[in-house]
Amino acid sequence: MSKFTLASNEDLYKYLVWLGDRFKAKGKPDTASEILMTTNFAIGSQTEFLGEARKLLISLSGELDAVLTKAEQIDLEQVVNQINMAFGKIGGG
């Protein structure tokens, strides 16, 4: 199992765009729109973007089996863990 690593907020932004596209392709356009709206926070503060992304990713847990493979679900968990670590470094939530 490989570790999914984000090197920057830009990587998180790209991951969210990919995730939104994935949900749309799997017939979940409302969730896809919610995911893509979260990317708008990328232009604001780092803390706000990380917080909104974390909140969103955690809220998706009930829909993951229908959209993501098990490996992709593990990647998503790793993204949330990396966001949590980033919060620790910047003193956020």
PDB file of N, CA and C in Angstrom:
ATOM      1  N   MET A   1       0.843  -1.169   0.000  1.00  0.00           N
ATOM      2  CA  MET A   1       0.000   0.000   0.000  1.00  0.00           C
ATOM      3  C   MET A   1       0.893   1.239   0.000  1.00  0.00           C
ATOM      4  N   SER A   2       0.645   2.134  -0.942  1.00  0.00           N
ATOM      5  CA  SER A   2       1.449   3.346  -1.028  1.00  0.00           C
ATOM      6  C   SER A   2       0.798   4.466  -0.226  1.00  0.00           C
ATOM      7  N   LYS A   3       1.632   5.344   0.258  1.00  0.00           N
ATOM      8  CA  LYS A   3       1.145   6.493   1.022  1.00  0.00           C
ATOM      9  C   LYS A   3       0.796   7.613   0.054  1.00  0.00           C
ATOM     10  N   PHE A   4      -0.417   8.084   0.135  1.00  0.00           N
ATOM     11  CA  PHE A   4      -0.880   9.194  -0.689  1.00  0.00           C
ATOM     12  C   PHE A   4      -0.447  10.483  -0.012  1.00  0.00           C
ATOM     13  N   THR A   5       0.365  11.279  -0.682  1.00  0.00           N
ATOM     14  CA  THR A   5       0.935  12.464  -0.058  1.00  0.00           C
ATOM     15  C   THR A   5       0.589  13.721  -0.842  1.00  0.00           C
ATOM     16  N   LEU A   6       0.144  14.730  -0.113  1.00  0.00           N
ATOM     17  CA  LEU A   6      -0.069  16.054  -0.673  1.00  0.00           C
ATOM     18  C   LEU A   6       1.107  16.925  -0.265  1.00  0.00           C
ATOM     19  N   ALA A   7       1.685  17.619  -1.222  1.00  0.00           N
ATOM     20  CA  ALA A   7       2.840  18.470  -0.917  1.00  0.00           C
ATOM     21  C   ALA A   7       2.450  19.926  -0.666  1.00  0.00           C
ATOM     22  N   SER A   8       1.215  20.289  -1.055  1.00  0.00           N
ATOM     23  CA  SER A   8       0.826  21.697  -0.939  1.00  0.00           C
ATOM     24  C   SER A   8      -0.694  21.833  -0.977  1.00  0.00           C
ATOM     25  N   ASN A   9      -1.162  23.039  -0.720  1.00  0.00           N
ATOM     26  CA  ASN A   9      -2.596  23.314  -0.857  1.00  0.00           C
ATOM     27  C   ASN A   9      -3.035  23.169  -2.307  1.00  0.00           C
ATOM     28  N   GLU A  10      -2.130  23.429  -3.224  1.00  0.00           N
ATOM     29  CA  GLU A  10      -2.456  23.234  -4.641  1.00  0.00           C
ATOM     30  C   GLU A  10      -2.755  21.759  -4.914  1.00  0.00           C
ATOM     31  N   ASP A  11      -1.988  20.868  -4.300  1.00  0.00           N
ATOM     32  CA  ASP A  11      -2.260  19.434  -4.447  1.00  0.00           C
ATOM     33  C   ASP A  11      -3.619  19.076  -3.861  1.00  0.00           C
ATOM     34  N   LEU A  12      -3.972  19.681  -2.730  1.00  0.00           N
ATOM     35  CA  LEU A  12      -5.279  19.439  -2.127  1.00  0.00           C
ATOM     36  C   LEU A  12      -6.371  19.945  -3.055  1.00  0.00           C
ATOM     37  N   TYR A  13      -6.178  21.103  -3.624  1.00  0.00           N
ATOM     38  CA  TYR A  13      -7.132  21.658  -4.589  1.00  0.00           C
ATOM     39  C   TYR A  13      -7.338  20.684  -5.753  1.00  0.00           C
ATOM     40  N   LYS A  14      -6.247  20.199  -6.320  1.00  0.00           N
ATOM     41  CA  LYS A  14      -6.333  19.258  -7.445  1.00  0.00           C
ATOM     42  C   LYS A  14      -7.019  17.962  -7.034  1.00  0.00           C
ATOM     43  N   TYR A  15      -6.741  17.502  -5.822  1.00  0.00           N
ATOM     44  CA  TYR A  15      -7.385  16.289  -5.322  1.00  0.00           C
ATOM     45  C   TYR A  15      -8.897  16.501  -5.213  1.00  0.00           C
ATOM     46  N   LEU A  16      -9.313  17.645  -4.689  1.00  0.00           N
ATOM     47  CA  LEU A  16     -10.740  17.915  -4.566  1.00  0.00           C
ATOM     48  C   LEU A  16     -11.417  18.008  -5.931  1.00  0.00           C
ATOM     49  N   VAL A  17     -10.756  18.611  -6.909  1.00  0.00           N
ATOM     50  CA  VAL A  17     -11.305  18.671  -8.273  1.00  0.00           C
ATOM     51  C   VAL A  17     -11.462  17.247  -8.817  1.00  0.00           C
ATOM     52  N   TRP A  18     -10.438  16.414  -8.644  1.00  0.00           N
ATOM     53  CA  TRP A  18     -10.515  15.024  -9.087  1.00  0.00           C
ATOM     54  C   TRP A  18     -11.674  14.311  -8.386  1.00  0.00           C
ATOM     55  N   LEU A  19     -11.798  14.509  -7.081  1.00  0.00           N
ATOM     56  CA  LEU A  19     -12.841  13.853  -6.310  1.00  0.00           C
ATOM     57  C   LEU A  19     -14.224  14.306  -6.775  1.00  0.00           C
ATOM     58  N   GLY A  20     -14.385  15.588  -7.026  1.00  0.00           N
ATOM     59  CA  GLY A  20     -15.652  16.100  -7.543  1.00  0.00           C
ATOM     60  C   GLY A  20     -16.003  15.481  -8.880  1.00  0.00           C
ATOM     61  N   ASP A  21     -15.023  15.384  -9.762  1.00  0.00           N
ATOM     62  CA  ASP A  21     -15.240  14.742 -11.064  1.00  0.00           C
ATOM     63  C   ASP A  21     -15.632  13.280 -10.897  1.00  0.00           C
ATOM     64  N   ARG A  22     -15.028  12.621  -9.938  1.00  0.00           N
ATOM     65  CA  ARG A  22     -15.314  11.210  -9.672  1.00  0.00           C
ATOM     66  C   ARG A  22     -16.764  11.025  -9.206  1.00  0.00           C
ATOM     67  N   PHE A  23     -17.203  11.882  -8.283  1.00  0.00           N
ATOM     68  CA  PHE A  23     -18.580  11.800  -7.803  1.00  0.00           C
ATOM     69  C   PHE A  23     -19.566  12.101  -8.930  1.00  0.00           C
ATOM     70  N   LYS A  24     -19.247  13.078  -9.770  1.00  0.00           N
ATOM     71  CA  LYS A  24     -20.121  13.410 -10.894  1.00  0.00           C
ATOM     72  C   LYS A  24     -20.233  12.235 -11.854  1.00  0.00           C
ATOM     73  N   ALA A  25     -19.111  11.605 -12.153  1.00  0.00           N
ATOM     74  CA  ALA A  25     -19.102  10.460 -13.069  1.00  0.00           C
ATOM     75  C   ALA A  25     -19.878   9.269 -12.517  1.00  0.00           C
ATOM     76  N   LYS A  26     -19.975   9.180 -11.204  1.00  0.00           N
ATOM     77  CA  LYS A  26     -20.690   8.072 -10.564  1.00  0.00           C
ATOM     78  C   LYS A  26     -22.152   8.420 -10.285  1.00  0.00           C
ATOM     79  N   GLY A  27     -22.644   9.521 -10.874  1.00  0.00           N
ATOM     80  CA  GLY A  27     -24.053   9.863 -10.760  1.00  0.00           C
ATOM     81  C   GLY A  27     -24.441  10.585  -9.480  1.00  0.00           C
ATOM     82  N   LYS A  28     -23.514  11.307  -8.896  1.00  0.00           N
ATOM     83  CA  LYS A  28     -23.783  12.066  -7.672  1.00  0.00           C
ATOM     84  C   LYS A  28     -23.433  13.545  -7.901  1.00  0.00           C
ATOM     85  N   PRO A  29     -24.209  14.209  -8.786  1.00  0.00           N
ATOM     86  CA  PRO A  29     -23.865  15.588  -9.141  1.00  0.00           C
ATOM     87  C   PRO A  29     -23.996  16.576  -7.989  1.00  0.00           C
ATOM     88  N   ASP A  30     -24.928  16.366  -7.070  1.00  0.00           N
ATOM     89  CA  ASP A  30     -25.069  17.297  -5.945  1.00  0.00           C
ATOM     90  C   ASP A  30     -23.840  17.260  -5.046  1.00  0.00           C
ATOM     91  N   THR A  31     -23.367  16.059  -4.769  1.00  0.00           N
ATOM     92  CA  THR A  31     -22.154  15.927  -3.954  1.00  0.00           C
ATOM     93  C   THR A  31     -20.960  16.486  -4.700  1.00  0.00           C
ATOM     94  N   ALA A  32     -20.897  16.237  -6.006  1.00  0.00           N
ATOM     95  CA  ALA A  32     -19.801  16.776  -6.819  1.00  0.00           C
ATOM     96  C   ALA A  32     -19.778  18.298  -6.746  1.00  0.00           C
ATOM     97  N   SER A  33     -20.941  18.917  -6.831  1.00  0.00           N
ATOM     98  CA  SER A  33     -21.011  20.384  -6.742  1.00  0.00           C
ATOM     99  C   SER A  33     -20.544  20.876  -5.382  1.00  0.00           C
ATOM    100  N   GLU A  34     -20.935  20.169  -4.323  1.00  0.00           N
ATOM    101  CA  GLU A  34     -20.503  20.545  -2.969  1.00  0.00           C
ATOM    102  C   GLU A  34     -18.983  20.467  -2.843  1.00  0.00           C
ATOM    103  N   ILE A  35     -18.409  19.412  -3.410  1.00  0.00           N
ATOM    104  CA  ILE A  35     -16.953  19.245  -3.374  1.00  0.00           C
ATOM    105  C   ILE A  35     -16.279  20.386  -4.136  1.00  0.00           C
ATOM    106  N   LEU A  36     -16.776  20.658  -5.331  1.00  0.00           N
ATOM    107  CA  LEU A  36     -16.156  21.698  -6.150  1.00  0.00           C
ATOM    108  C   LEU A  36     -16.333  23.085  -5.538  1.00  0.00           C
ATOM    109  N   MET A  37     -17.439  23.321  -4.830  1.00  0.00           N
ATOM    110  CA  MET A  37     -17.612  24.609  -4.142  1.00  0.00           C
ATOM    111  C   MET A  37     -16.550  24.784  -3.048  1.00  0.00           C
ATOM    112  N   THR A  38     -16.145  23.695  -2.442  1.00  0.00           N
ATOM    113  CA  THR A  38     -15.119  23.766  -1.403  1.00  0.00           C
ATOM    114  C   THR A  38     -13.796  24.271  -1.965  1.00  0.00           C
ATOM    115  N   THR A  39     -13.537  24.009  -3.239  1.00  0.00           N
ATOM    116  CA  THR A  39     -12.283  24.490  -3.834  1.00  0.00           C
ATOM    117  C   THR A  39     -12.214  26.010  -3.860  1.00  0.00           C
ATOM    118  N   ASN A  40     -13.371  26.683  -3.785  1.00  0.00           N
ATOM    119  CA  ASN A  40     -13.378  28.147  -3.770  1.00  0.00           C
ATOM    120  C   ASN A  40     -12.644  28.708  -2.555  1.00  0.00           C
ATOM    121  N   PHE A  41     -12.572  27.922  -1.482  1.00  0.00           N
ATOM    122  CA  PHE A  41     -11.880  28.381  -0.287  1.00  0.00           C
ATOM    123  C   PHE A  41     -10.361  28.420  -0.484  1.00  0.00           C
ATOM    124  N   ALA A  42      -9.868  27.839  -1.572  1.00  0.00           N
ATOM    125  CA  ALA A  42      -8.423  27.822  -1.832  1.00  0.00           C
ATOM    126  C   ALA A  42      -7.863  29.227  -2.019  1.00  0.00           C
ATOM    127  N   ILE A  43      -8.709  30.164  -2.431  1.00  0.00           N
ATOM    128  CA  ILE A  43      -8.221  31.526  -2.644  1.00  0.00           C
ATOM    129  C   ILE A  43      -8.199  32.341  -1.359  1.00  0.00           C
ATOM    130  N   GLY A  44      -8.777  31.797  -0.284  1.00  0.00           N
ATOM    131  CA  GLY A  44      -8.800  32.487   1.002  1.00  0.00           C
ATOM    132  C   GLY A  44      -7.628  32.077   1.873  1.00  0.00           C
ATOM    133  N   SER A  45      -7.886  32.071   3.147  1.00  0.00           N
ATOM    134  CA  SER A  45      -6.818  31.727   4.085  1.00  0.00           C
ATOM    135  C   SER A  45      -6.540  30.228   4.073  1.00  0.00           C
ATOM    136  N   GLN A  46      -5.321  29.883   4.377  1.00  0.00           N
ATOM    137  CA  GLN A  46      -4.902  28.481   4.428  1.00  0.00           C
ATOM    138  C   GLN A  46      -5.736  27.713   5.443  1.00  0.00           C
ATOM    139  N   THR A  47      -5.954  28.302   6.599  1.00  0.00           N
ATOM    140  CA  THR A  47      -6.705  27.638   7.655  1.00  0.00           C
ATOM    141  C   THR A  47      -8.144  27.377   7.223  1.00  0.00           C
ATOM    142  N   GLU A  48      -8.755  28.352   6.593  1.00  0.00           N
ATOM    143  CA  GLU A  48     -10.143  28.186   6.150  1.00  0.00           C
ATOM    144  C   GLU A  48     -10.249  27.086   5.091  1.00  0.00           C
ATOM    145  N   PHE A  49      -9.335  27.079   4.140  1.00  0.00           N
ATOM    146  CA  PHE A  49      -9.353  26.057   3.091  1.00  0.00           C
ATOM    147  C   PHE A  49      -9.174  24.664   3.689  1.00  0.00           C
ATOM    148  N   LEU A  50      -8.192  24.519   4.553  1.00  0.00           N
ATOM    149  CA  LEU A  50      -7.960  23.218   5.179  1.00  0.00           C
ATOM    150  C   LEU A  50      -9.158  22.786   6.010  1.00  0.00           C
ATOM    151  N   GLY A  51      -9.741  23.717   6.748  1.00  0.00           N
ATOM    152  CA  GLY A  51     -10.891  23.395   7.587  1.00  0.00           C
ATOM    153  C   GLY A  51     -12.098  22.967   6.778  1.00  0.00           C
ATOM    154  N   GLU A  52     -12.393  23.703   5.724  1.00  0.00           N
ATOM    155  CA  GLU A  52     -13.541  23.353   4.880  1.00  0.00           C
ATOM    156  C   GLU A  52     -13.312  22.032   4.155  1.00  0.00           C
ATOM    157  N   ALA A  53     -12.090  21.810   3.690  1.00  0.00           N
ATOM    158  CA  ALA A  53     -11.774  20.551   3.013  1.00  0.00           C
ATOM    159  C   ALA A  53     -11.910  19.376   3.976  1.00  0.00           C
ATOM    160  N   ARG A  54     -11.392  19.535   5.174  1.00  0.00           N
ATOM    161  CA  ARG A  54     -11.479  18.462   6.170  1.00  0.00           C
ATOM    162  C   ARG A  54     -12.929  18.160   6.508  1.00  0.00           C
ATOM    163  N   LYS A  55     -13.708  19.193   6.767  1.00  0.00           N
ATOM    164  CA  LYS A  55     -15.125  19.009   7.097  1.00  0.00           C
ATOM    165  C   LYS A  55     -15.851  18.269   5.967  1.00  0.00           C
ATOM    166  N   LEU A  56     -15.600  18.682   4.750  1.00  0.00           N
ATOM    167  CA  LEU A  56     -16.231  18.058   3.596  1.00  0.00           C
ATOM    168  C   LEU A  56     -15.834  16.587   3.470  1.00  0.00           C
ATOM    169  N   LEU A  57     -14.543  16.319   3.512  1.00  0.00           N
ATOM    170  CA  LEU A  57     -14.074  14.944   3.325  1.00  0.00           C
ATOM    171  C   LEU A  57     -14.637  14.014   4.387  1.00  0.00           C
ATOM    172  N   ILE A  58     -14.710  14.469   5.614  1.00  0.00           N
ATOM    173  CA  ILE A  58     -15.281  13.649   6.689  1.00  0.00           C
ATOM    174  C   ILE A  58     -16.764  13.406   6.443  1.00  0.00           C
ATOM    175  N   SER A  59     -17.460  14.401   5.921  1.00  0.00           N
ATOM    176  CA  SER A  59     -18.904  14.273   5.689  1.00  0.00           C
ATOM    177  C   SER A  59     -19.245  13.282   4.573  1.00  0.00           C
ATOM    178  N   LEU A  60     -18.286  12.944   3.743  1.00  0.00           N
ATOM    179  CA  LEU A  60     -18.533  12.042   2.617  1.00  0.00           C
ATOM    180  C   LEU A  60     -18.539  10.566   3.003  1.00  0.00           C
ATOM    181  N   SER A  61     -18.239  10.245   4.227  1.00  0.00           N
ATOM    182  CA  SER A  61     -18.019   8.850   4.620  1.00  0.00           C
ATOM    183  C   SER A  61     -19.156   7.914   4.234  1.00  0.00           C
ATOM    184  N   GLY A  62     -20.391   8.364   4.264  1.00  0.00           N
ATOM    185  CA  GLY A  62     -21.519   7.501   3.927  1.00  0.00           C
ATOM    186  C   GLY A  62     -21.671   7.213   2.449  1.00  0.00           C
ATOM    187  N   GLU A  63     -20.988   7.946   1.608  1.00  0.00           N
ATOM    188  CA  GLU A  63     -21.131   7.786   0.161  1.00  0.00           C
ATOM    189  C   GLU A  63     -19.924   7.131  -0.506  1.00  0.00           C
ATOM    190  N   LEU A  64     -18.893   6.865   0.241  1.00  0.00           N
ATOM    191  CA  LEU A  64     -17.629   6.446  -0.369  1.00  0.00           C
ATOM    192  C   LEU A  64     -17.695   5.095  -1.059  1.00  0.00           C
ATOM    193  N   ASP A  65     -18.373   4.119  -0.464  1.00  0.00           N
ATOM    194  CA  ASP A  65     -18.396   2.780  -1.056  1.00  0.00           C
ATOM    195  C   ASP A  65     -18.970   2.773  -2.463  1.00  0.00           C
ATOM    196  N   ALA A  66     -19.920   3.662  -2.739  1.00  0.00           N
ATOM    197  CA  ALA A  66     -20.557   3.704  -4.057  1.00  0.00           C
ATOM    198  C   ALA A  66     -19.721   4.445  -5.100  1.00  0.00           C
ATOM    199  N   VAL A  67     -18.683   5.142  -4.662  1.00  0.00           N
ATOM    200  CA  VAL A  67     -17.950   6.015  -5.583  1.00  0.00           C
ATOM    201  C   VAL A  67     -16.473   5.655  -5.701  1.00  0.00           C
ATOM    202  N   LEU A  68     -15.835   5.355  -4.579  1.00  0.00           N
ATOM    203  CA  LEU A  68     -14.395   5.139  -4.571  1.00  0.00           C
ATOM    204  C   LEU A  68     -14.038   3.680  -4.324  1.00  0.00           C
ATOM    205  N   THR A  69     -12.921   3.272  -4.900  1.00  0.00           N
ATOM    206  CA  THR A  69     -12.385   1.945  -4.602  1.00  0.00           C
ATOM    207  C   THR A  69     -11.853   1.961  -3.170  1.00  0.00           C
ATOM    208  N   LYS A  70     -11.575   0.800  -2.634  1.00  0.00           N
ATOM    209  CA  LYS A  70     -11.017   0.728  -1.279  1.00  0.00           C
ATOM    210  C   LYS A  70      -9.695   1.486  -1.197  1.00  0.00           C
ATOM    211  N   ALA A  71      -8.854   1.343  -2.220  1.00  0.00           N
ATOM    212  CA  ALA A  71      -7.568   2.057  -2.228  1.00  0.00           C
ATOM    213  C   ALA A  71      -7.786   3.567  -2.238  1.00  0.00           C
ATOM    214  N   GLU A  72      -8.762   4.039  -3.003  1.00  0.00           N
ATOM    215  CA  GLU A  72      -9.057   5.472  -3.049  1.00  0.00           C
ATOM    216  C   GLU A  72      -9.635   5.963  -1.721  1.00  0.00           C
ATOM    217  N   GLN A  73     -10.387   5.104  -1.039  1.00  0.00           N
ATOM    218  CA  GLN A  73     -10.907   5.458   0.282  1.00  0.00           C
ATOM    219  C   GLN A  73      -9.759   5.603   1.288  1.00  0.00           C
ATOM    220  N   ILE A  74      -8.766   4.737   1.168  1.00  0.00           N
ATOM    221  CA  ILE A  74      -7.578   4.844   2.026  1.00  0.00           C
ATOM    222  C   ILE A  74      -6.843   6.145   1.723  1.00  0.00           C
ATOM    223  N   ASP A  75      -6.728   6.484   0.433  1.00  0.00           N
ATOM    224  CA  ASP A  75      -6.109   7.763   0.054  1.00  0.00           C
ATOM    225  C   ASP A  75      -6.850   8.928   0.700  1.00  0.00           C
ATOM    226  N   LEU A  76      -8.188   8.887   0.674  1.00  0.00           N
ATOM    227  CA  LEU A  76      -8.980   9.960   1.263  1.00  0.00           C
ATOM    228  C   LEU A  76      -8.712  10.064   2.761  1.00  0.00           C
ATOM    229  N   GLU A  77      -8.644   8.937   3.431  1.00  0.00           N
ATOM    230  CA  GLU A  77      -8.319   8.941   4.861  1.00  0.00           C
ATOM    231  C   GLU A  77      -6.943   9.564   5.103  1.00  0.00           C
ATOM    232  N   GLN A  78      -5.993   9.254   4.234  1.00  0.00           N
ATOM    233  CA  GLN A  78      -4.652   9.814   4.371  1.00  0.00           C
ATOM    234  C   GLN A  78      -4.654  11.322   4.134  1.00  0.00           C
ATOM    235  N   VAL A  79      -5.495  11.783   3.216  1.00  0.00           N
ATOM    236  CA  VAL A  79      -5.616  13.221   2.982  1.00  0.00           C
ATOM    237  C   VAL A  79      -6.148  13.903   4.241  1.00  0.00           C
ATOM    238  N   VAL A  80      -7.178  13.332   4.859  1.00  0.00           N
ATOM    239  CA  VAL A  80      -7.720  13.908   6.090  1.00  0.00           C
ATOM    240  C   VAL A  80      -6.639  13.930   7.177  1.00  0.00           C
ATOM    241  N   ASN A  81      -5.887  12.855   7.293  1.00  0.00           N
ATOM    242  CA  ASN A  81      -4.807  12.816   8.288  1.00  0.00           C
ATOM    243  C   ASN A  81      -3.758  13.894   8.021  1.00  0.00           C
ATOM    244  N   GLN A  82      -3.436  14.115   6.746  1.00  0.00           N
ATOM    245  CA  GLN A  82      -2.462  15.154   6.406  1.00  0.00           C
ATOM    246  C   GLN A  82      -3.000  16.547   6.714  1.00  0.00           C
ATOM    247  N   ILE A  83      -4.293  16.746   6.493  1.00  0.00           N
ATOM    248  CA  ILE A  83      -4.903  18.033   6.844  1.00  0.00           C
ATOM    249  C   ILE A  83      -4.809  18.231   8.360  1.00  0.00           C
ATOM    250  N   ASN A  84      -5.104  17.190   9.113  1.00  0.00           N
ATOM    251  CA  ASN A  84      -5.011  17.288  10.571  1.00  0.00           C
ATOM    252  C   ASN A  84      -3.594  17.641  11.004  1.00  0.00           C
ATOM    253  N   MET A  85      -2.597  17.040  10.365  1.00  0.00           N
ATOM    254  CA  MET A  85      -1.203  17.349  10.690  1.00  0.00           C
ATOM    255  C   MET A  85      -0.862  18.792  10.322  1.00  0.00           C
ATOM    256  N   ALA A  86      -1.384  19.262   9.179  1.00  0.00           N
ATOM    257  CA  ALA A  86      -1.135  20.639   8.764  1.00  0.00           C
ATOM    258  C   ALA A  86      -1.732  21.609   9.777  1.00  0.00           C
ATOM    259  N   PHE A  87      -2.914  21.283  10.292  1.00  0.00           N
ATOM    260  CA  PHE A  87      -3.518  22.134  11.317  1.00  0.00           C
ATOM    261  C   PHE A  87      -2.629  22.213  12.544  1.00  0.00           C
ATOM    262  N   GLY A  88      -2.027  21.109  12.893  1.00  0.00           N
ATOM    263  CA  GLY A  88      -1.119  21.116  14.039  1.00  0.00           C
ATOM    264  C   GLY A  88       0.063  22.043  13.830  1.00  0.00           C
ATOM    265  N   LYS A  89       0.542  22.114  12.581  1.00  0.00           N
ATOM    266  CA  LYS A  89       1.699  22.951  12.276  1.00  0.00           C
ATOM    267  C   LYS A  89       1.359  24.444  12.237  1.00  0.00           C
ATOM    268  N   ILE A  90       0.112  24.763  11.816  1.00  0.00           N
ATOM    269  CA  ILE A  90      -0.246  26.174  11.708  1.00  0.00           C
ATOM    270  C   ILE A  90      -1.084  26.653  12.892  1.00  0.00           C
ATOM    271  N   GLY A  91      -1.360  25.739  13.810  1.00  0.00           N
ATOM    272  CA  GLY A  91      -2.101  26.128  15.000  1.00  0.00           C
ATOM    273  C   GLY A  91      -3.594  26.214  14.806  1.00  0.00           C
ATOM    274  N   GLY A  92      -4.112  25.519  13.781  1.00  0.00           N
ATOM    275  CA  GLY A  92      -5.551  25.531  13.520  1.00  0.00           C
ATOM    276  C   GLY A  92      -6.276  24.457  14.284  1.00  0.00           C
ATOM    277  N   GLY A  93      -7.592  24.304  13.968  1.00  0.00           N
ATOM    278  CA  GLY A  93      -8.565  23.429  14.601  1.00  0.00           C
ATOM    279  C   GLY A  93      -8.117  22.088  14.909  1.00  0.00           C
TER     280      GLY A  93
END
